[in-house]
């Protein structure tokens, strides 16, 4: 399947290809219009899996829109699953793990849209990802993409297209869980989401609630009695992550600024103040305490200094 994986990586984004008979036969065509790559894929049964490792790499700066064209196509992301029939469409985030494909031969049109082209926040995508999109702009958006891969569209999509996608995202009802879900499962899942997204600048109560498919108020009501306010919990977890970085001998040469960013703090100065407020030491002081400079290293430093 290396050949098919290579084709998918070249045409769209890197995916792990899974097939019961270890082979995939099919055909892909692609056009590029206004920085949007639009791929028409028709293939035998298989699934493309975007693992956490792949999601953090190449292609993560895009959203994808999938339109079913033949058979059925299953899309899973954020613990949700939607099955697209011909003509139905869904959106998903290439910076988050997902799987897409079918147990039977299928066809799908996939548009790879740069996130910078859409005026939507990650939370807005999270609330509708892996659902059938609905709204008055759906048919027009779908016709535009299908015309592009069919060769009947000009080389310009225009601002109207990107506005229609934005409107479609905002008009689609937010994902909601059924009444049968147990609060304990939601708490477990909310903590998993937080642990896996500490680096994400947009991580907060709205983002977590959107992925869970519950309201912010409901999340607050079940989370706060157990773990305190969710924003406070996120900040504490980020500081714990930073402390682990700083205590690691492997990370002793990583700049403090990078440690802050890796832990989800966009303002290094604010991070340093928070860190000292909680642990009583600045990040630099804490690192020195955990990784004292050996005499040999000090001597080498003095020799270099003398030469300078």
C-alpha atoms as a PDB file:
ATOM      1  CA  UNK A   1       0.000   0.000   0.000  1.00  0.00           C
ATOM      2  CA  UNK A   2       3.034   2.275  -0.042  1.00  0.00           C
ATOM      3  CA  UNK A   3       2.147   3.485  -3.531  1.00  0.00           C
ATOM      4  CA  UNK A   4      -1.370   4.498  -2.481  1.00  0.00           C
ATOM      5  CA  UNK A   5      -0.089   6.093   0.747  1.00  0.00           C
ATOM      6  CA  UNK A   6       2.396   8.109  -1.276  1.00  0.00           C
ATOM      7  CA  UNK A   7      -0.327   9.253  -3.649  1.00  0.00           C
ATOM      8  CA  UNK A   8      -2.576  10.302  -0.755  1.00  0.00           C
ATOM      9  CA  UNK A   9       0.320  12.160   0.902  1.00  0.00           C
ATOM     10  CA  UNK A  10       1.151  13.971  -2.339  1.00  0.00           C
ATOM     11  CA  UNK A  11      -2.431  14.828  -3.225  1.00  0.00           C
ATOM     12  CA  UNK A  12      -3.786  15.553   0.273  1.00  0.00           C
ATOM     13  CA  UNK A  13      -2.018  14.875   3.612  1.00  0.00           C
ATOM     14  CA  UNK A  14      -0.064  11.907   4.994  1.00  0.00           C
ATOM     15  CA  UNK A  15      -2.301   9.065   6.211  1.00  0.00           C
ATOM     16  CA  UNK A  16      -1.813   5.478   7.323  1.00  0.00           C
ATOM     17  CA  UNK A  17      -3.711   3.280   4.870  1.00  0.00           C
ATOM     18  CA  UNK A  18      -5.532   0.268   6.290  1.00  0.00           C
ATOM     19  CA  UNK A  19      -7.167  -2.428   4.142  1.00  0.00           C
ATOM     20  CA  UNK A  20      -8.339  -5.939   4.959  1.00  0.00           C
ATOM     21  CA  UNK A  21      -6.616  -7.453   1.913  1.00  0.00           C
ATOM     22  CA  UNK A  22      -3.528  -5.185   2.194  1.00  0.00           C
ATOM     23  CA  UNK A  23      -4.086  -3.695  -1.258  1.00  0.00           C
ATOM     24  CA  UNK A  24      -5.880  -0.623  -2.566  1.00  0.00           C
ATOM     25  CA  UNK A  25      -6.869  -0.037  -6.160  1.00  0.00           C
ATOM     26  CA  UNK A  26      -8.301   3.228  -7.290  1.00  0.00           C
ATOM     27  CA  UNK A  27      -7.903   6.530  -9.059  1.00  0.00           C
ATOM     28  CA  UNK A  28      -7.201  10.062  -7.876  1.00  0.00           C
ATOM     29  CA  UNK A  29      -7.314  13.349  -9.705  1.00  0.00           C
ATOM     30  CA  UNK A  30      -6.566  16.773  -8.292  1.00  0.00           C
ATOM     31  CA  UNK A  31      -6.972  20.418  -9.180  1.00  0.00           C
ATOM     32  CA  UNK A  32      -5.713  23.448  -7.272  1.00  0.00           C
ATOM     33  CA  UNK A  33      -7.838  26.596  -7.181  1.00  0.00           C
ATOM     34  CA  UNK A  34      -7.082  29.640  -5.001  1.00  0.00           C
ATOM     35  CA  UNK A  35      -4.728  27.602  -2.750  1.00  0.00           C
ATOM     36  CA  UNK A  36      -7.467  24.980  -2.298  1.00  0.00           C
ATOM     37  CA  UNK A  37      -6.521  21.447  -3.369  1.00  0.00           C
ATOM     38  CA  UNK A  38      -9.572  19.503  -4.530  1.00  0.00           C
ATOM     39  CA  UNK A  39      -9.148  15.762  -4.979  1.00  0.00           C
ATOM     40  CA  UNK A  40     -11.604  13.284  -6.503  1.00  0.00           C
ATOM     41  CA  UNK A  41     -10.890   9.816  -5.171  1.00  0.00           C
ATOM     42  CA  UNK A  42     -12.512   6.551  -6.247  1.00  0.00           C
ATOM     43  CA  UNK A  43     -11.111   3.398  -4.656  1.00  0.00           C
ATOM     44  CA  UNK A  44     -11.588  -0.080  -3.286  1.00  0.00           C
ATOM     45  CA  UNK A  45     -12.465  -0.575   0.377  1.00  0.00           C
ATOM     46  CA  UNK A  46      -9.919   0.947   2.749  1.00  0.00           C
ATOM     47  CA  UNK A  47      -9.485   3.517   5.516  1.00  0.00           C
ATOM     48  CA  UNK A  48      -7.056   6.403   5.781  1.00  0.00           C
ATOM     49  CA  UNK A  49      -5.995   7.062   9.371  1.00  0.00           C
ATOM     50  CA  UNK A  50      -4.512  10.338  10.574  1.00  0.00           C
ATOM     51  CA  UNK A  51      -2.702   9.398  13.794  1.00  0.00           C
ATOM     52  CA  UNK A  52      -1.733  11.873  16.517  1.00  0.00           C
ATOM     53  CA  UNK A  53       1.830  11.848  15.220  1.00  0.00           C
ATOM     54  CA  UNK A  54       0.757  12.568  11.638  1.00  0.00           C
ATOM     55  CA  UNK A  55      -1.751  15.205  12.775  1.00  0.00           C
ATOM     56  CA  UNK A  56       1.079  17.165  14.365  1.00  0.00           C
ATOM     57  CA  UNK A  57       3.047  17.228  11.123  1.00  0.00           C
ATOM     58  CA  UNK A  58       2.625  18.046   7.452  1.00  0.00           C
ATOM     59  CA  UNK A  59      -0.801  19.334   6.406  1.00  0.00           C
ATOM     60  CA  UNK A  60      -1.993  20.354   9.864  1.00  0.00           C
ATOM     61  CA  UNK A  61      -2.635  23.921   8.691  1.00  0.00           C
ATOM     62  CA  UNK A  62      -5.762  22.872   6.771  1.00  0.00           C
ATOM     63  CA  UNK A  63      -9.391  21.930   7.176  1.00  0.00           C
ATOM     64  CA  UNK A  64     -10.915  19.255   4.953  1.00  0.00           C
ATOM     65  CA  UNK A  65     -14.362  19.077   3.419  1.00  0.00           C
ATOM     66  CA  UNK A  66     -15.460  15.630   2.203  1.00  0.00           C
ATOM     67  CA  UNK A  67     -18.364  15.096  -0.215  1.00  0.00           C
ATOM     68  CA  UNK A  68     -19.584  11.554  -0.819  1.00  0.00           C
ATOM     69  CA  UNK A  69     -19.918  10.646  -4.497  1.00  0.00           C
ATOM     70  CA  UNK A  70     -20.285   6.843  -4.532  1.00  0.00           C
ATOM     71  CA  UNK A  71     -21.191   4.207  -1.954  1.00  0.00           C
ATOM     72  CA  UNK A  72     -20.824   5.322   1.657  1.00  0.00           C
ATOM     73  CA  UNK A  73     -17.909   7.030   3.387  1.00  0.00           C
ATOM     74  CA  UNK A  74     -17.366   6.833   7.161  1.00  0.00           C
ATOM     75  CA  UNK A  75     -15.602   9.723   8.909  1.00  0.00           C
ATOM     76  CA  UNK A  76     -14.513   9.613  12.550  1.00  0.00           C
ATOM     77  CA  UNK A  77     -13.045  12.460  14.589  1.00  0.00           C
ATOM     78  CA  UNK A  78     -13.321  13.624  18.207  1.00  0.00           C
ATOM     79  CA  UNK A  79     -14.964  10.324  19.137  1.00  0.00           C
ATOM     80  CA  UNK A  80     -17.801  10.880  16.650  1.00  0.00           C
ATOM     81  CA  UNK A  81     -18.703   8.985  13.513  1.00  0.00           C
ATOM     82  CA  UNK A  82     -20.720  10.073  10.506  1.00  0.00           C
ATOM     83  CA  UNK A  83     -21.527   8.025   7.401  1.00  0.00           C
ATOM     84  CA  UNK A  84     -21.770  10.153   4.255  1.00  0.00           C
ATOM     85  CA  UNK A  85     -24.007   9.120   1.405  1.00  0.00           C
ATOM     86  CA  UNK A  86     -23.615  10.565  -2.105  1.00  0.00           C
ATOM     87  CA  UNK A  87     -24.117  14.332  -1.966  1.00  0.00           C
ATOM     88  CA  UNK A  88     -23.644  14.650   1.789  1.00  0.00           C
ATOM     89  CA  UNK A  89     -20.657  16.574   3.104  1.00  0.00           C
ATOM     90  CA  UNK A  90     -18.712  17.012   6.337  1.00  0.00           C
ATOM     91  CA  UNK A  91     -15.783  19.063   7.601  1.00  0.00           C
ATOM     92  CA  UNK A  92     -12.849  17.960   9.755  1.00  0.00           C
ATOM     93  CA  UNK A  93      -9.523  19.252  11.072  1.00  0.00           C
ATOM     94  CA  UNK A  94      -6.236  17.850   9.731  1.00  0.00           C
ATOM     95  CA  UNK A  95      -4.469  18.930  12.948  1.00  0.00           C
ATOM     96  CA  UNK A  96      -6.555  16.409  14.899  1.00  0.00           C
ATOM     97  CA  UNK A  97      -6.560  12.597  14.547  1.00  0.00           C
ATOM     98  CA  UNK A  98      -9.259  11.124  12.302  1.00  0.00           C
ATOM     99  CA  UNK A  99     -10.078   8.208  10.037  1.00  0.00           C
ATOM    100  CA  UNK A 100     -11.984   8.234   6.764  1.00  0.00           C
ATOM    101  CA  UNK A 101     -12.929   5.473   4.344  1.00  0.00           C
ATOM    102  CA  UNK A 102     -15.281   2.540   3.860  1.00  0.00           C
ATOM    103  CA  UNK A 103     -15.622  -1.222   4.059  1.00  0.00           C
ATOM    104  CA  UNK A 104     -16.939  -1.163   0.471  1.00  0.00           C
ATOM    105  CA  UNK A 105     -15.703   0.572  -2.701  1.00  0.00           C
ATOM    106  CA  UNK A 106     -16.436   4.279  -2.471  1.00  0.00           C
ATOM    107  CA  UNK A 107     -15.944   7.665  -4.053  1.00  0.00           C
ATOM    108  CA  UNK A 108     -15.364  11.009  -2.373  1.00  0.00           C
ATOM    109  CA  UNK A 109     -14.343  14.554  -3.247  1.00  0.00           C
ATOM    110  CA  UNK A 110     -12.018  16.093  -0.675  1.00  0.00           C
ATOM    111  CA  UNK A 111     -11.168  19.788  -0.533  1.00  0.00           C
ATOM    112  CA  UNK A 112      -8.101  20.822   1.435  1.00  0.00           C
ATOM    113  CA  UNK A 113      -8.738  24.413   2.583  1.00  0.00           C
ATOM    114  CA  UNK A 114      -6.064  26.516   4.339  1.00  0.00           C
ATOM    115  CA  UNK A 115      -7.266  27.559   7.781  1.00  0.00           C
ATOM    116  CA  UNK A 116      -6.145  31.103   7.052  1.00  0.00           C
ATOM    117  CA  UNK A 117      -8.778  31.310   4.287  1.00  0.00           C
ATOM    118  CA  UNK A 118     -11.711  30.790   6.663  1.00  0.00           C
ATOM    119  CA  UNK A 119     -12.892  33.188   9.358  1.00  0.00           C
ATOM    120  CA  UNK A 120     -13.679  30.459  11.855  1.00  0.00           C
ATOM    121  CA  UNK A 121     -12.144  29.517  15.186  1.00  0.00           C
ATOM    122  CA  UNK A 122     -11.037  25.956  16.019  1.00  0.00           C
ATOM    123  CA  UNK A 123     -13.931  25.783  18.480  1.00  0.00           C
ATOM    124  CA  UNK A 124     -16.419  26.424  15.663  1.00  0.00           C
ATOM    125  CA  UNK A 125     -14.977  23.551  13.643  1.00  0.00           C
ATOM    126  CA  UNK A 126     -14.884  21.301  16.698  1.00  0.00           C
ATOM    127  CA  UNK A 127     -18.589  21.773  17.378  1.00  0.00           C
ATOM    128  CA  UNK A 128     -19.632  20.544  13.902  1.00  0.00           C
ATOM    129  CA  UNK A 129     -16.788  18.239  12.809  1.00  0.00           C
ATOM    130  CA  UNK A 130     -17.703  14.706  11.697  1.00  0.00           C
ATOM    131  CA  UNK A 131     -21.342  15.635  11.137  1.00  0.00           C
ATOM    132  CA  UNK A 132     -23.393  16.097   7.992  1.00  0.00           C
ATOM    133  CA  UNK A 133     -23.206  19.802   7.211  1.00  0.00           C
ATOM    134  CA  UNK A 134     -26.494  21.611   6.706  1.00  0.00           C
ATOM    135  CA  UNK A 135     -27.489  25.138   5.812  1.00  0.00           C
ATOM    136  CA  UNK A 136     -28.578  27.261   2.908  1.00  0.00           C
ATOM    137  CA  UNK A 137     -25.033  27.511   1.496  1.00  0.00           C
ATOM    138  CA  UNK A 138     -24.467  23.754   1.366  1.00  0.00           C
ATOM    139  CA  UNK A 139     -25.730  23.071  -2.158  1.00  0.00           C
ATOM    140  CA  UNK A 140     -23.868  26.004  -3.673  1.00  0.00           C
ATOM    141  CA  UNK A 141     -20.608  25.055  -1.972  1.00  0.00           C
ATOM    142  CA  UNK A 142     -20.991  21.434  -3.066  1.00  0.00           C
ATOM    143  CA  UNK A 143     -21.739  22.361  -6.693  1.00  0.00           C
ATOM    144  CA  UNK A 144     -18.706  24.645  -6.789  1.00  0.00           C
ATOM    145  CA  UNK A 145     -16.306  21.927  -5.626  1.00  0.00           C
ATOM    146  CA  UNK A 146     -17.803  19.281  -7.896  1.00  0.00           C
ATOM    147  CA  UNK A 147     -17.539  21.611 -10.896  1.00  0.00           C
ATOM    148  CA  UNK A 148     -13.891  22.238 -10.053  1.00  0.00           C
ATOM    149  CA  UNK A 149     -12.912  18.574 -10.159  1.00  0.00           C
ATOM    150  CA  UNK A 150     -15.118  18.115 -13.232  1.00  0.00           C
ATOM    151  CA  UNK A 151     -13.197  20.781 -15.121  1.00  0.00           C
ATOM    152  CA  UNK A 152     -16.123  23.164 -15.421  1.00  0.00           C
ATOM    153  CA  UNK A 153     -14.951  25.849 -12.986  1.00  0.00           C
ATOM    154  CA  UNK A 154     -12.677  28.824 -13.552  1.00  0.00           C
ATOM    155  CA  UNK A 155      -9.310  29.086 -11.799  1.00  0.00           C
ATOM    156  CA  UNK A 156     -10.786  31.408  -9.150  1.00  0.00           C
ATOM    157  CA  UNK A 157     -13.048  30.415  -6.278  1.00  0.00           C
ATOM    158  CA  UNK A 158     -13.343  33.902  -4.866  1.00  0.00           C
ATOM    159  CA  UNK A 159     -14.214  35.281  -1.458  1.00  0.00           C
ATOM    160  CA  UNK A 160     -17.843  34.243  -1.914  1.00  0.00           C
ATOM    161  CA  UNK A 161     -16.864  30.573  -1.720  1.00  0.00           C
ATOM    162  CA  UNK A 162     -14.885  30.962   1.520  1.00  0.00           C
ATOM    163  CA  UNK A 163     -17.702  33.018   3.021  1.00  0.00           C
ATOM    164  CA  UNK A 164     -20.183  30.292   2.121  1.00  0.00           C
ATOM    165  CA  UNK A 165     -18.060  27.666   3.887  1.00  0.00           C
ATOM    166  CA  UNK A 166     -17.838  29.890   6.965  1.00  0.00           C
ATOM    167  CA  UNK A 167     -21.607  30.385   6.959  1.00  0.00           C
ATOM    168  CA  UNK A 168     -22.191  26.668   6.501  1.00  0.00           C
ATOM    169  CA  UNK A 169     -20.045  25.871   9.548  1.00  0.00           C
ATOM    170  CA  UNK A 170     -21.964  28.381  11.654  1.00  0.00           C
ATOM    171  CA  UNK A 171     -25.413  27.282  10.437  1.00  0.00           C
ATOM    172  CA  UNK A 172     -24.873  23.577  11.116  1.00  0.00           C
ATOM    173  CA  UNK A 173     -26.264  22.597  14.551  1.00  0.00           C
ATOM    174  CA  UNK A 174     -23.581  21.795  17.112  1.00  0.00           C
ATOM    175  CA  UNK A 175     -22.875  18.165  17.900  1.00  0.00           C
ATOM    176  CA  UNK A 176     -24.822  16.974  20.934  1.00  0.00           C
ATOM    177  CA  UNK A 177     -24.537  13.733  22.874  1.00  0.00           C
ATOM    178  CA  UNK A 178     -27.571  11.640  23.709  1.00  0.00           C
ATOM    179  CA  UNK A 179     -29.142  11.480  27.154  1.00  0.00           C
ATOM    180  CA  UNK A 180     -27.707   8.020  27.795  1.00  0.00           C
ATOM    181  CA  UNK A 181     -24.166   9.317  28.295  1.00  0.00           C
ATOM    182  CA  UNK A 182     -22.883   9.020  31.869  1.00  0.00           C
ATOM    183  CA  UNK A 183     -21.319  12.086  33.510  1.00  0.00           C
ATOM    184  CA  UNK A 184     -18.340  10.004  34.641  1.00  0.00           C
ATOM    185  CA  UNK A 185     -17.568   9.218  30.989  1.00  0.00           C
ATOM    186  CA  UNK A 186     -17.774  12.911  30.114  1.00  0.00           C
ATOM    187  CA  UNK A 187     -15.371  13.772  32.922  1.00  0.00           C
ATOM    188  CA  UNK A 188     -12.914  11.125  31.778  1.00  0.00           C
ATOM    189  CA  UNK A 189     -13.169  12.274  28.171  1.00  0.00           C
ATOM    190  CA  UNK A 190     -12.814  15.953  29.121  1.00  0.00           C
ATOM    191  CA  UNK A 191      -9.569  15.231  30.958  1.00  0.00           C
ATOM    192  CA  UNK A 192      -8.285  13.226  27.977  1.00  0.00           C
ATOM    193  CA  UNK A 193      -9.073  16.144  25.664  1.00  0.00           C
ATOM    194  CA  UNK A 194      -7.257  18.587  27.930  1.00  0.00           C
ATOM    195  CA  UNK A 195      -4.199  16.360  28.318  1.00  0.00           C
ATOM    196  CA  UNK A 196      -3.944  15.964  24.551  1.00  0.00           C
ATOM    197  CA  UNK A 197      -4.383  19.624  23.680  1.00  0.00           C
ATOM    198  CA  UNK A 198      -2.282  21.539  26.233  1.00  0.00           C
ATOM    199  CA  UNK A 199      -0.246  23.129  23.436  1.00  0.00           C
ATOM    200  CA  UNK A 200      -3.342  24.427  21.662  1.00  0.00           C
ATOM    201  CA  UNK A 201      -3.755  28.168  22.169  1.00  0.00           C
ATOM    202  CA  UNK A 202      -7.539  27.908  21.825  1.00  0.00           C
ATOM    203  CA  UNK A 203      -7.877  25.256  24.545  1.00  0.00           C
ATOM    204  CA  UNK A 204     -10.552  26.325  27.017  1.00  0.00           C
ATOM    205  CA  UNK A 205     -14.029  25.495  28.309  1.00  0.00           C
ATOM    206  CA  UNK A 206     -15.706  26.272  24.968  1.00  0.00           C
ATOM    207  CA  UNK A 207     -13.335  24.014  23.048  1.00  0.00           C
ATOM    208  CA  UNK A 208     -13.717  21.080  25.445  1.00  0.00           C
ATOM    209  CA  UNK A 209     -17.507  21.457  25.561  1.00  0.00           C
ATOM    210  CA  UNK A 210     -17.671  21.545  21.754  1.00  0.00           C
ATOM    211  CA  UNK A 211     -15.721  18.303  21.426  1.00  0.00           C
ATOM    212  CA  UNK A 212     -17.848  16.602  24.060  1.00  0.00           C
ATOM    213  CA  UNK A 213     -21.091  17.760  22.490  1.00  0.00           C
ATOM    214  CA  UNK A 214     -22.408  19.431  25.655  1.00  0.00           C
ATOM    215  CA  UNK A 215     -23.043  23.024  26.630  1.00  0.00           C
ATOM    216  CA  UNK A 216     -20.409  25.030  28.461  1.00  0.00           C
ATOM    217  CA  UNK A 217     -22.733  25.328  31.455  1.00  0.00           C
ATOM    218  CA  UNK A 218     -23.282  21.565  31.610  1.00  0.00           C
ATOM    219  CA  UNK A 219     -19.532  20.952  31.452  1.00  0.00           C
ATOM    220  CA  UNK A 220     -18.997  23.496  34.230  1.00  0.00           C
ATOM    221  CA  UNK A 221     -21.628  21.845  36.412  1.00  0.00           C
ATOM    222  CA  UNK A 222     -20.084  18.373  36.203  1.00  0.00           C
ATOM    223  CA  UNK A 223     -16.403  19.396  36.124  1.00  0.00           C
ATOM    224  CA  UNK A 224     -16.154  22.034  38.857  1.00  0.00           C
ATOM    225  CA  UNK A 225     -17.281  19.898  41.829  1.00  0.00           C
ATOM    226  CA  UNK A 226     -14.648  17.270  40.959  1.00  0.00           C
ATOM    227  CA  UNK A 227     -11.660  19.279  39.739  1.00  0.00           C
ATOM    228  CA  UNK A 228     -12.445  22.963  40.199  1.00  0.00           C
ATOM    229  CA  UNK A 229     -13.021  25.513  37.397  1.00  0.00           C
ATOM    230  CA  UNK A 230     -11.925  24.042  34.090  1.00  0.00           C
ATOM    231  CA  UNK A 231      -9.814  27.085  33.108  1.00  0.00           C
ATOM    232  CA  UNK A 232      -7.901  26.764  36.397  1.00  0.00           C
ATOM    233  CA  UNK A 233      -7.468  23.043  35.807  1.00  0.00           C
ATOM    234  CA  UNK A 234      -6.059  23.670  32.313  1.00  0.00           C
ATOM    235  CA  UNK A 235      -3.599  26.252  33.634  1.00  0.00           C
ATOM    236  CA  UNK A 236      -2.422  23.850  36.363  1.00  0.00           C
ATOM    237  CA  UNK A 237      -1.900  21.058  33.831  1.00  0.00           C
ATOM    238  CA  UNK A 238       0.082  23.392  31.590  1.00  0.00           C
ATOM    239  CA  UNK A 239       2.308  24.397  34.490  1.00  0.00           C
ATOM    240  CA  UNK A 240       2.840  20.744  35.382  1.00  0.00           C
ATOM    241  CA  UNK A 241       3.830  20.081  31.781  1.00  0.00           C
ATOM    242  CA  UNK A 242       6.305  22.969  31.893  1.00  0.00           C
ATOM    243  CA  UNK A 243       7.752  21.721  35.188  1.00  0.00           C
ATOM    244  CA  UNK A 244       8.317  18.286  33.629  1.00  0.00           C
ATOM    245  CA  UNK A 245      10.112  19.899  30.685  1.00  0.00           C
ATOM    246  CA  UNK A 246      12.326  21.980  32.952  1.00  0.00           C
ATOM    247  CA  UNK A 247      13.207  19.054  35.214  1.00  0.00           C
ATOM    248  CA  UNK A 248      14.266  16.868  32.277  1.00  0.00           C
ATOM    249  CA  UNK A 249      17.986  16.610  31.599  1.00  0.00           C
ATOM    250  CA  UNK A 250      17.164  16.016  27.917  1.00  0.00           C
ATOM    251  CA  UNK A 251      15.444  19.412  27.716  1.00  0.00           C
ATOM    252  CA  UNK A 252      18.025  21.404  29.672  1.00  0.00           C
ATOM    253  CA  UNK A 253      19.123  23.335  26.576  1.00  0.00           C
ATOM    254  CA  UNK A 254      15.584  24.105  25.384  1.00  0.00           C
ATOM    255  CA  UNK A 255      14.988  27.885  25.666  1.00  0.00           C
ATOM    256  CA  UNK A 256      12.496  28.950  28.332  1.00  0.00           C
ATOM    257  CA  UNK A 257      10.453  30.684  25.643  1.00  0.00           C
ATOM    258  CA  UNK A 258      10.069  27.385  23.786  1.00  0.00           C
ATOM    259  CA  UNK A 259       9.116  25.592  27.012  1.00  0.00           C
ATOM    260  CA  UNK A 260       6.374  28.192  27.496  1.00  0.00           C
ATOM    261  CA  UNK A 261       5.024  27.694  23.969  1.00  0.00           C
ATOM    262  CA  UNK A 262       5.220  23.887  24.226  1.00  0.00           C
ATOM    263  CA  UNK A 263       3.167  24.113  27.411  1.00  0.00           C
ATOM    264  CA  UNK A 264       0.469  26.291  25.862  1.00  0.00           C
ATOM    265  CA  UNK A 265       1.543  29.737  27.105  1.00  0.00           C
ATOM    266  CA  UNK A 266       1.715  32.348  24.353  1.00  0.00           C
ATOM    267  CA  UNK A 267       3.231  35.003  26.668  1.00  0.00           C
ATOM    268  CA  UNK A 268       6.577  33.842  28.147  1.00  0.00           C
ATOM    269  CA  UNK A 269       6.661  36.667  30.707  1.00  0.00           C
ATOM    270  CA  UNK A 270       3.185  35.751  31.959  1.00  0.00           C
ATOM    271  CA  UNK A 271       4.257  32.101  32.074  1.00  0.00           C
ATOM    272  CA  UNK A 272       7.272  32.964  34.240  1.00  0.00           C
ATOM    273  CA  UNK A 273       5.113  34.921  36.685  1.00  0.00           C
ATOM    274  CA  UNK A 274       2.581  32.100  36.944  1.00  0.00           C
ATOM    275  CA  UNK A 275       5.316  29.494  37.381  1.00  0.00           C
ATOM    276  CA  UNK A 276       7.008  31.404  40.209  1.00  0.00           C
ATOM    277  CA  UNK A 277       3.658  32.060  41.862  1.00  0.00           C
ATOM    278  CA  UNK A 278       2.896  28.336  41.994  1.00  0.00           C
ATOM    279  CA  UNK A 279       6.330  26.749  42.523  1.00  0.00           C
ATOM    280  CA  UNK A 280       8.203  29.570  44.279  1.00  0.00           C
ATOM    281  CA  UNK A 281      11.005  29.696  41.695  1.00  0.00           C
ATOM    282  CA  UNK A 282      11.361  31.190  38.239  1.00  0.00           C
ATOM    283  CA  UNK A 283      11.565  28.650  35.391  1.00  0.00           C
ATOM    284  CA  UNK A 284      15.326  29.265  35.100  1.00  0.00           C
ATOM    285  CA  UNK A 285      15.870  28.817  38.827  1.00  0.00           C
ATOM    286  CA  UNK A 286      13.830  25.624  38.860  1.00  0.00           C
ATOM    287  CA  UNK A 287      15.784  24.201  35.907  1.00  0.00           C
ATOM    288  CA  UNK A 288      19.105  24.982  37.601  1.00  0.00           C
ATOM    289  CA  UNK A 289      17.923  23.321  40.798  1.00  0.00           C
ATOM    290  CA  UNK A 290      16.913  20.158  38.909  1.00  0.00           C
ATOM    291  CA  UNK A 291      19.929  20.129  36.588  1.00  0.00           C
ATOM    292  CA  UNK A 292      22.915  21.569  38.486  1.00  0.00           C
ATOM    293  CA  UNK A 293      25.978  22.287  36.377  1.00  0.00           C
ATOM    294  CA  UNK A 294      28.714  19.733  37.053  1.00  0.00           C
ATOM    295  CA  UNK A 295      32.254  20.784  37.963  1.00  0.00           C
ATOM    296  CA  UNK A 296      33.493  19.532  34.609  1.00  0.00           C
ATOM    297  CA  UNK A 297      30.954  21.640  32.757  1.00  0.00           C
ATOM    298  CA  UNK A 298      31.833  24.653  34.915  1.00  0.00           C
ATOM    299  CA  UNK A 299      35.516  24.192  34.195  1.00  0.00           C
ATOM    300  CA  UNK A 300      34.889  23.958  30.473  1.00  0.00           C
ATOM    301  CA  UNK A 301      32.821  27.096  30.691  1.00  0.00           C
ATOM    302  CA  UNK A 302      35.651  28.975  32.470  1.00  0.00           C
ATOM    303  CA  UNK A 303      38.224  27.790  29.926  1.00  0.00           C
ATOM    304  CA  UNK A 304      36.051  28.990  27.058  1.00  0.00           C
ATOM    305  CA  UNK A 305      35.487  32.238  28.901  1.00  0.00           C
ATOM    306  CA  UNK A 306      39.227  32.703  29.439  1.00  0.00           C
ATOM    307  CA  UNK A 307      39.865  32.181  25.750  1.00  0.00           C
ATOM    308  CA  UNK A 308      37.310  34.814  24.932  1.00  0.00           C
END
